Amino acid sequence: MIRLYDTATREVSEFKSIEPGKVSMYVCGATVQAAPHVGHIRSGVNFDILRRWLEASGYAVTFVRNVTDIDDKILHKA
């Protein structure tokens, strides 16, 4: 069992998948606009650990991570 913070209810509750045995995850990637730092990787690592735990617990996980497009503003700062 894993308990997660639900931002909709503002409570910690036991995780229950919408479809038994299956979980879908969408994670926004970092939008790096300045010098990289450890905070840029934190979200990715946290959700990767959650994905691995769910898979180890028997869930079929569909995992999608966004990759932010690089634009002129970001290239200029680089």
PDB file of N, CA and C in Angstrom:
ATOM      1  N   MET A   1       0.845  -1.178   0.000  1.00  0.00           N
ATOM      2  CA  MET A   1       0.000   0.000   0.000  1.00  0.00           C
ATOM      3  C   MET A   1       0.892   1.243   0.000  1.00  0.00           C
ATOM      4  N   ILE A   2       0.462   2.234  -0.746  1.00  0.00           N
ATOM      5  CA  ILE A   2       1.159   3.518  -0.733  1.00  0.00           C
ATOM      6  C   ILE A   2       0.117   4.603  -0.480  1.00  0.00           C
ATOM      7  N   ARG A   3       0.511   5.573   0.309  1.00  0.00           N
ATOM      8  CA  ARG A   3      -0.373   6.704   0.600  1.00  0.00           C
ATOM      9  C   ARG A   3       0.232   7.941  -0.048  1.00  0.00           C
ATOM     10  N   LEU A   4      -0.615   8.702  -0.730  1.00  0.00           N
ATOM     11  CA  LEU A   4      -0.166   9.879  -1.461  1.00  0.00           C
ATOM     12  C   LEU A   4      -0.991  11.095  -1.073  1.00  0.00           C
ATOM     13  N   TYR A   5      -0.400  12.266  -1.242  1.00  0.00           N
ATOM     14  CA  TYR A   5      -1.115  13.515  -0.986  1.00  0.00           C
ATOM     15  C   TYR A   5      -1.976  13.835  -2.194  1.00  0.00           C
ATOM     16  N   ASP A   6      -3.267  14.028  -1.975  1.00  0.00           N
ATOM     17  CA  ASP A   6      -4.226  14.365  -3.026  1.00  0.00           C
ATOM     18  C   ASP A   6      -4.445  15.873  -3.003  1.00  0.00           C
ATOM     19  N   THR A   7      -3.982  16.562  -4.042  1.00  0.00           N
ATOM     20  CA  THR A   7      -4.103  18.024  -4.064  1.00  0.00           C
ATOM     21  C   THR A   7      -5.554  18.471  -4.190  1.00  0.00           C
ATOM     22  N   ALA A   8      -6.432  17.631  -4.732  1.00  0.00           N
ATOM     23  CA  ALA A   8      -7.847  17.995  -4.871  1.00  0.00           C
ATOM     24  C   ALA A   8      -8.546  18.027  -3.514  1.00  0.00           C
ATOM     25  N   THR A   9      -8.251  17.045  -2.662  1.00  0.00           N
ATOM     26  CA  THR A   9      -8.904  16.972  -1.350  1.00  0.00           C
ATOM     27  C   THR A   9      -8.036  17.532  -0.230  1.00  0.00           C
ATOM     28  N   ARG A  10      -6.752  17.769  -0.540  1.00  0.00           N
ATOM     29  CA  ARG A  10      -5.772  18.233   0.446  1.00  0.00           C
ATOM     30  C   ARG A  10      -5.619  17.259   1.615  1.00  0.00           C
ATOM     31  N   GLU A  11      -5.691  15.981   1.276  1.00  0.00           N
ATOM     32  CA  GLU A  11      -5.545  14.933   2.279  1.00  0.00           C
ATOM     33  C   GLU A  11      -4.607  13.847   1.766  1.00  0.00           C
ATOM     34  N   VAL A  12      -4.008  13.129   2.698  1.00  0.00           N
ATOM     35  CA  VAL A  12      -3.209  11.956   2.358  1.00  0.00           C
ATOM     36  C   VAL A  12      -4.164  10.767   2.371  1.00  0.00           C
ATOM     37  N   SER A  13      -4.146   9.991   1.290  1.00  0.00           N
ATOM     38  CA  SER A  13      -5.039   8.840   1.225  1.00  0.00           C
ATOM     39  C   SER A  13      -4.358   7.680   0.511  1.00  0.00           C
ATOM     40  N   GLU A  14      -4.922   6.494   0.704  1.00  0.00           N
ATOM     41  CA  GLU A  14      -4.392   5.293   0.066  1.00  0.00           C
ATOM     42  C   GLU A  14      -4.594   5.396  -1.441  1.00  0.00           C
ATOM     43  N   PHE A  15      -3.559   5.030  -2.203  1.00  0.00           N
ATOM     44  CA  PHE A  15      -3.645   5.064  -3.660  1.00  0.00           C
ATOM     45  C   PHE A  15      -4.540   3.940  -4.153  1.00  0.00           C
ATOM     46  N   LYS A  16      -5.477   4.289  -5.048  1.00  0.00           N
ATOM     47  CA  LYS A  16      -6.335   3.309  -5.713  1.00  0.00           C
ATOM     48  C   LYS A  16      -6.364   3.685  -7.184  1.00  0.00           C
ATOM     49  N   SER A  17      -5.977   2.748  -8.044  1.00  0.00           N
ATOM     50  CA  SER A  17      -5.979   3.053  -9.473  1.00  0.00           C
ATOM     51  C   SER A  17      -7.412   3.110  -9.999  1.00  0.00           C
ATOM     52  N   ILE A  18      -7.612   3.925 -11.024  1.00  0.00           N
ATOM     53  CA  ILE A  18      -8.939   4.060 -11.631  1.00  0.00           C
ATOM     54  C   ILE A  18      -9.347   2.739 -12.277  1.00  0.00           C
ATOM     55  N   GLU A  19      -8.388   2.129 -12.978  1.00  0.00           N
ATOM     56  CA  GLU A  19      -8.619   0.821 -13.605  1.00  0.00           C
ATOM     57  C   GLU A  19      -7.755  -0.193 -12.857  1.00  0.00           C
ATOM     58  N   PRO A  20      -8.366  -1.203 -12.257  1.00  0.00           N
ATOM     59  CA  PRO A  20      -7.590  -2.162 -11.458  1.00  0.00           C
ATOM     60  C   PRO A  20      -6.390  -2.735 -12.214  1.00  0.00           C
ATOM     61  N   GLY A  21      -5.226  -2.667 -11.566  1.00  0.00           N
ATOM     62  CA  GLY A  21      -4.011  -3.236 -12.134  1.00  0.00           C
ATOM     63  C   GLY A  21      -3.303  -2.365 -13.151  1.00  0.00           C
ATOM     64  N   LYS A  22      -3.863  -1.194 -13.465  1.00  0.00           N
ATOM     65  CA  LYS A  22      -3.251  -0.316 -14.465  1.00  0.00           C
ATOM     66  C   LYS A  22      -3.119   1.104 -13.916  1.00  0.00           C
ATOM     67  N   VAL A  23      -2.016   1.754 -14.282  1.00  0.00           N
ATOM     68  CA  VAL A  23      -1.772   3.138 -13.876  1.00  0.00           C
ATOM     69  C   VAL A  23      -1.210   3.892 -15.073  1.00  0.00           C
ATOM     70  N   SER A  24      -1.711   5.100 -15.301  1.00  0.00           N
ATOM     71  CA  SER A  24      -1.159   5.986 -16.327  1.00  0.00           C
ATOM     72  C   SER A  24      -0.587   7.208 -15.634  1.00  0.00           C
ATOM     73  N   MET A  25       0.629   7.596 -16.038  1.00  0.00           N
ATOM     74  CA  MET A  25       1.288   8.757 -15.439  1.00  0.00           C
ATOM     75  C   MET A  25       1.771   9.690 -16.539  1.00  0.00           C
ATOM     76  N   TYR A  26       1.540  10.997 -16.359  1.00  0.00           N
ATOM     77  CA  TYR A  26       2.093  12.015 -17.248  1.00  0.00           C
ATOM     78  C   TYR A  26       2.894  12.964 -16.375  1.00  0.00           C
ATOM     79  N   VAL A  27       4.163  13.147 -16.696  1.00  0.00           N
ATOM     80  CA  VAL A  27       5.045  13.993 -15.897  1.00  0.00           C
ATOM     81  C   VAL A  27       5.602  15.100 -16.777  1.00  0.00           C
ATOM     82  N   CYS A  28       5.438  16.340 -16.338  1.00  0.00           N
ATOM     83  CA  CYS A  28       6.010  17.473 -17.069  1.00  0.00           C
ATOM     84  C   CYS A  28       7.522  17.490 -16.868  1.00  0.00           C
ATOM     85  N   GLY A  29       8.247  17.678 -17.943  1.00  0.00           N
ATOM     86  CA  GLY A  29       9.699  17.787 -17.858  1.00  0.00           C
ATOM     87  C   GLY A  29      10.104  19.174 -17.393  1.00  0.00           C
ATOM     88  N   ALA A  30      11.352  19.319 -17.041  1.00  0.00           N
ATOM     89  CA  ALA A  30      11.870  20.613 -16.583  1.00  0.00           C
ATOM     90  C   ALA A  30      11.938  21.596 -17.742  1.00  0.00           C
ATOM     91  N   THR A  31      11.634  22.847 -17.457  1.00  0.00           N
ATOM     92  CA  THR A  31      11.847  23.929 -18.407  1.00  0.00           C
ATOM     93  C   THR A  31      13.044  24.705 -17.882  1.00  0.00           C
ATOM     94  N   VAL A  32      14.203  24.380 -18.391  1.00  0.00           N
ATOM     95  CA  VAL A  32      15.445  24.966 -17.892  1.00  0.00           C
ATOM     96  C   VAL A  32      15.697  26.277 -18.618  1.00  0.00           C
ATOM     97  N   GLN A  33      15.673  27.394 -17.864  1.00  0.00           N
ATOM     98  CA  GLN A  33      15.881  28.712 -18.458  1.00  0.00           C
ATOM     99  C   GLN A  33      17.108  29.406 -17.885  1.00  0.00           C
ATOM    100  N   ALA A  34      17.838  28.712 -17.056  1.00  0.00           N
ATOM    101  CA  ALA A  34      19.054  29.270 -16.457  1.00  0.00           C
ATOM    102  C   ALA A  34      20.011  28.104 -16.197  1.00  0.00           C
ATOM    103  N   ALA A  35      21.029  28.374 -15.420  1.00  0.00           N
ATOM    104  CA  ALA A  35      22.009  27.326 -15.116  1.00  0.00           C
ATOM    105  C   ALA A  35      21.308  26.127 -14.480  1.00  0.00           C
ATOM    106  N   PRO A  36      21.636  24.908 -14.918  1.00  0.00           N
ATOM    107  CA  PRO A  36      20.992  23.730 -14.333  1.00  0.00           C
ATOM    108  C   PRO A  36      21.366  23.556 -12.865  1.00  0.00           C
ATOM    109  N   HIS A  37      20.428  22.987 -12.101  1.00  0.00           N
ATOM    110  CA  HIS A  37      20.668  22.700 -10.689  1.00  0.00           C
ATOM    111  C   HIS A  37      19.909  21.431 -10.313  1.00  0.00           C
ATOM    112  N   VAL A  38      20.140  20.929  -9.118  1.00  0.00           N
ATOM    113  CA  VAL A  38      19.565  19.659  -8.684  1.00  0.00           C
ATOM    114  C   VAL A  38      18.035  19.683  -8.690  1.00  0.00           C
ATOM    115  N   GLY A  39      17.436  20.834  -8.516  1.00  0.00           N
ATOM    116  CA  GLY A  39      15.978  20.943  -8.540  1.00  0.00           C
ATOM    117  C   GLY A  39      15.374  20.549  -9.873  1.00  0.00           C
ATOM    118  N   HIS A  40      16.142  20.713 -10.949  1.00  0.00           N
ATOM    119  CA  HIS A  40      15.635  20.353 -12.272  1.00  0.00           C
ATOM    120  C   HIS A  40      15.420  18.846 -12.411  1.00  0.00           C
ATOM    121  N   ILE A  41      16.166  18.051 -11.693  1.00  0.00           N
ATOM    122  CA  ILE A  41      16.061  16.596 -11.812  1.00  0.00           C
ATOM    123  C   ILE A  41      15.150  15.990 -10.745  1.00  0.00           C
ATOM    124  N   ARG A  42      14.830  16.764  -9.715  1.00  0.00           N
ATOM    125  CA  ARG A  42      14.073  16.223  -8.576  1.00  0.00           C
ATOM    126  C   ARG A  42      12.748  15.595  -8.991  1.00  0.00           C
ATOM    127  N   SER A  43      11.956  16.300  -9.762  1.00  0.00           N
ATOM    128  CA  SER A  43      10.660  15.775 -10.181  1.00  0.00           C
ATOM    129  C   SER A  43      10.824  14.483 -10.969  1.00  0.00           C
ATOM    130  N   GLY A  44      11.766  14.481 -11.892  1.00  0.00           N
ATOM    131  CA  GLY A  44      11.989  13.284 -12.695  1.00  0.00           C
ATOM    132  C   GLY A  44      12.359  12.079 -11.859  1.00  0.00           C
ATOM    133  N   VAL A  45      13.234  12.279 -10.893  1.00  0.00           N
ATOM    134  CA  VAL A  45      13.663  11.178 -10.025  1.00  0.00           C
ATOM    135  C   VAL A  45      12.499  10.709  -9.150  1.00  0.00           C
ATOM    136  N   ASN A  46      11.768  11.650  -8.562  1.00  0.00           N
ATOM    137  CA  ASN A  46      10.646  11.283  -7.689  1.00  0.00           C
ATOM    138  C   ASN A  46       9.614  10.434  -8.422  1.00  0.00           C
ATOM    139  N   PHE A  47       9.229  10.870  -9.629  1.00  0.00           N
ATOM    140  CA  PHE A  47       8.205  10.128 -10.361  1.00  0.00           C
ATOM    141  C   PHE A  47       8.743   8.823 -10.934  1.00  0.00           C
ATOM    142  N   ASP A  48      10.039   8.756 -11.218  1.00  0.00           N
ATOM    143  CA  ASP A  48      10.629   7.495 -11.658  1.00  0.00           C
ATOM    144  C   ASP A  48      10.602   6.477 -10.521  1.00  0.00           C
ATOM    145  N   ILE A  49      10.882   6.923  -9.313  1.00  0.00           N
ATOM    146  CA  ILE A  49      10.818   6.029  -8.149  1.00  0.00           C
ATOM    147  C   ILE A  49       9.386   5.540  -7.943  1.00  0.00           C
ATOM    148  N   LEU A  50       8.411   6.445  -8.065  1.00  0.00           N
ATOM    149  CA  LEU A  50       7.007   6.054  -7.923  1.00  0.00           C
ATOM    150  C   LEU A  50       6.625   5.037  -8.999  1.00  0.00           C
ATOM    151  N   ARG A  51       7.042   5.274 -10.243  1.00  0.00           N
ATOM    152  CA  ARG A  51       6.755   4.338 -11.345  1.00  0.00           C
ATOM    153  C   ARG A  51       7.334   2.958 -11.039  1.00  0.00           C
ATOM    154  N   ARG A  52       8.593   2.932 -10.596  1.00  0.00           N
ATOM    155  CA  ARG A  52       9.243   1.653 -10.289  1.00  0.00           C
ATOM    156  C   ARG A  52       8.532   0.918  -9.152  1.00  0.00           C
ATOM    157  N   TRP A  53       8.092   1.661  -8.140  1.00  0.00           N
ATOM    158  CA  TRP A  53       7.381   1.047  -7.022  1.00  0.00           C
ATOM    159  C   TRP A  53       6.068   0.448  -7.504  1.00  0.00           C
ATOM    160  N   LEU A  54       5.340   1.194  -8.336  1.00  0.00           N
ATOM    161  CA  LEU A  54       4.064   0.693  -8.856  1.00  0.00           C
ATOM    162  C   LEU A  54       4.272  -0.573  -9.685  1.00  0.00           C
ATOM    163  N   GLU A  55       5.298  -0.570 -10.545  1.00  0.00           N
ATOM    164  CA  GLU A  55       5.592  -1.761 -11.352  1.00  0.00           C
ATOM    165  C   GLU A  55       5.974  -2.943 -10.469  1.00  0.00           C
ATOM    166  N   ALA A  56       6.792  -2.697  -9.452  1.00  0.00           N
ATOM    167  CA  ALA A  56       7.197  -3.766  -8.534  1.00  0.00           C
ATOM    168  C   ALA A  56       6.008  -4.296  -7.734  1.00  0.00           C
ATOM    169  N   SER A  57       4.979  -3.466  -7.596  1.00  0.00           N
ATOM    170  CA  SER A  57       3.769  -3.869  -6.871  1.00  0.00           C
ATOM    171  C   SER A  57       2.757  -4.564  -7.777  1.00  0.00           C
ATOM    172  N   GLY A  58       3.122  -4.747  -9.059  1.00  0.00           N
ATOM    173  CA  GLY A  58       2.267  -5.504  -9.965  1.00  0.00           C
ATOM    174  C   GLY A  58       1.409  -4.695 -10.917  1.00  0.00           C
ATOM    175  N   TYR A  59       1.515  -3.379 -10.884  1.00  0.00           N
ATOM    176  CA  TYR A  59       0.726  -2.548 -11.799  1.00  0.00           C
ATOM    177  C   TYR A  59       1.366  -2.515 -13.184  1.00  0.00           C
ATOM    178  N   ALA A  60       0.530  -2.464 -14.216  1.00  0.00           N
ATOM    179  CA  ALA A  60       0.992  -2.192 -15.580  1.00  0.00           C
ATOM    180  C   ALA A  60       0.990  -0.672 -15.714  1.00  0.00           C
ATOM    181  N   VAL A  61       2.163  -0.073 -15.856  1.00  0.00           N
ATOM    182  CA  VAL A  61       2.286   1.385 -15.832  1.00  0.00           C
ATOM    183  C   VAL A  61       2.562   1.927 -17.229  1.00  0.00           C
ATOM    184  N   THR A  62       1.742   2.896 -17.649  1.00  0.00           N
ATOM    185  CA  THR A  62       2.010   3.679 -18.851  1.00  0.00           C
ATOM    186  C   THR A  62       2.585   4.995 -18.358  1.00  0.00           C
ATOM    187  N   PHE A  63       3.828   5.283 -18.740  1.00  0.00           N
ATOM    188  CA  PHE A  63       4.548   6.449 -18.211  1.00  0.00           C
ATOM    189  C   PHE A  63       4.946   7.356 -19.366  1.00  0.00           C
ATOM    190  N   VAL A  64       4.515   8.610 -19.322  1.00  0.00           N
ATOM    191  CA  VAL A  64       4.844   9.589 -20.357  1.00  0.00           C
ATOM    192  C   VAL A  64       5.493  10.787 -19.678  1.00  0.00           C
ATOM    193  N   ARG A  65       6.639  11.218 -20.227  1.00  0.00           N
ATOM    194  CA  ARG A  65       7.331  12.395 -19.697  1.00  0.00           C
ATOM    195  C   ARG A  65       7.465  13.423 -20.815  1.00  0.00           C
ATOM    196  N   ASN A  66       7.085  14.643 -20.528  1.00  0.00           N
ATOM    197  CA  ASN A  66       7.190  15.745 -21.473  1.00  0.00           C
ATOM    198  C   ASN A  66       8.651  16.175 -21.611  1.00  0.00           C
ATOM    199  N   VAL A  67       9.042  16.537 -22.812  1.00  0.00           N
ATOM    200  CA  VAL A  67      10.347  17.151 -23.046  1.00  0.00           C
ATOM    201  C   VAL A  67      10.071  18.541 -23.598  1.00  0.00           C
ATOM    202  N   THR A  68      10.482  19.557 -22.871  1.00  0.00           N
ATOM    203  CA  THR A  68      10.200  20.934 -23.247  1.00  0.00           C
ATOM    204  C   THR A  68      10.980  21.337 -24.486  1.00  0.00           C
ATOM    205  N   ASP A  69      10.276  21.994 -25.407  1.00  0.00           N
ATOM    206  CA  ASP A  69      10.936  22.515 -26.605  1.00  0.00           C
ATOM    207  C   ASP A  69      11.928  23.603 -26.219  1.00  0.00           C
ATOM    208  N   ILE A  70      13.021  23.651 -26.917  1.00  0.00           N
ATOM    209  CA  ILE A  70      14.026  24.688 -26.700  1.00  0.00           C
ATOM    210  C   ILE A  70      13.709  25.839 -27.644  1.00  0.00           C
ATOM    211  N   ASP A  71      13.604  27.047 -27.099  1.00  0.00           N
ATOM    212  CA  ASP A  71      13.323  28.205 -27.948  1.00  0.00           C
ATOM    213  C   ASP A  71      14.463  29.219 -27.842  1.00  0.00           C
ATOM    214  N   ASP A  72      14.344  30.321 -28.559  1.00  0.00           N
ATOM    215  CA  ASP A  72      15.408  31.329 -28.604  1.00  0.00           C
ATOM    216  C   ASP A  72      15.752  31.885 -27.225  1.00  0.00           C
ATOM    217  N   LYS A  73      14.743  32.080 -26.370  1.00  0.00           N
ATOM    218  CA  LYS A  73      14.978  32.622 -25.027  1.00  0.00           C
ATOM    219  C   LYS A  73      15.919  31.705 -24.235  1.00  0.00           C
ATOM    220  N   ILE A  74      15.675  30.411 -24.302  1.00  0.00           N
ATOM    221  CA  ILE A  74      16.511  29.454 -23.581  1.00  0.00           C
ATOM    222  C   ILE A  74      17.896  29.375 -24.219  1.00  0.00           C
ATOM    223  N   LEU A  75      17.957  29.366 -25.547  1.00  0.00           N
ATOM    224  CA  LEU A  75      19.246  29.308 -26.240  1.00  0.00           C
ATOM    225  C   LEU A  75      20.095  30.536 -25.933  1.00  0.00           C
ATOM    226  N   HIS A  76      19.461  31.702 -25.847  1.00  0.00           N
ATOM    227  CA  HIS A  76      20.184  32.938 -25.543  1.00  0.00           C
ATOM    228  C   HIS A  76      20.821  32.872 -24.154  1.00  0.00           C
ATOM    229  N   LYS A  77      20.086  32.331 -23.182  1.00  0.00           N
ATOM    230  CA  LYS A  77      20.623  32.210 -21.820  1.00  0.00           C
ATOM    231  C   LYS A  77      21.752  31.195 -21.749  1.00  0.00           C
ATOM    232  N   ALA A  78      21.716  30.194 -22.633  1.00  0.00           N
ATOM    233  CA  ALA A  78      22.752  29.163 -22.613  1.00  0.00           C
ATOM    234  C   ALA A  78      24.071  29.764 -23.048  1.00  0.00           C
TER     235      ALA A  78
END
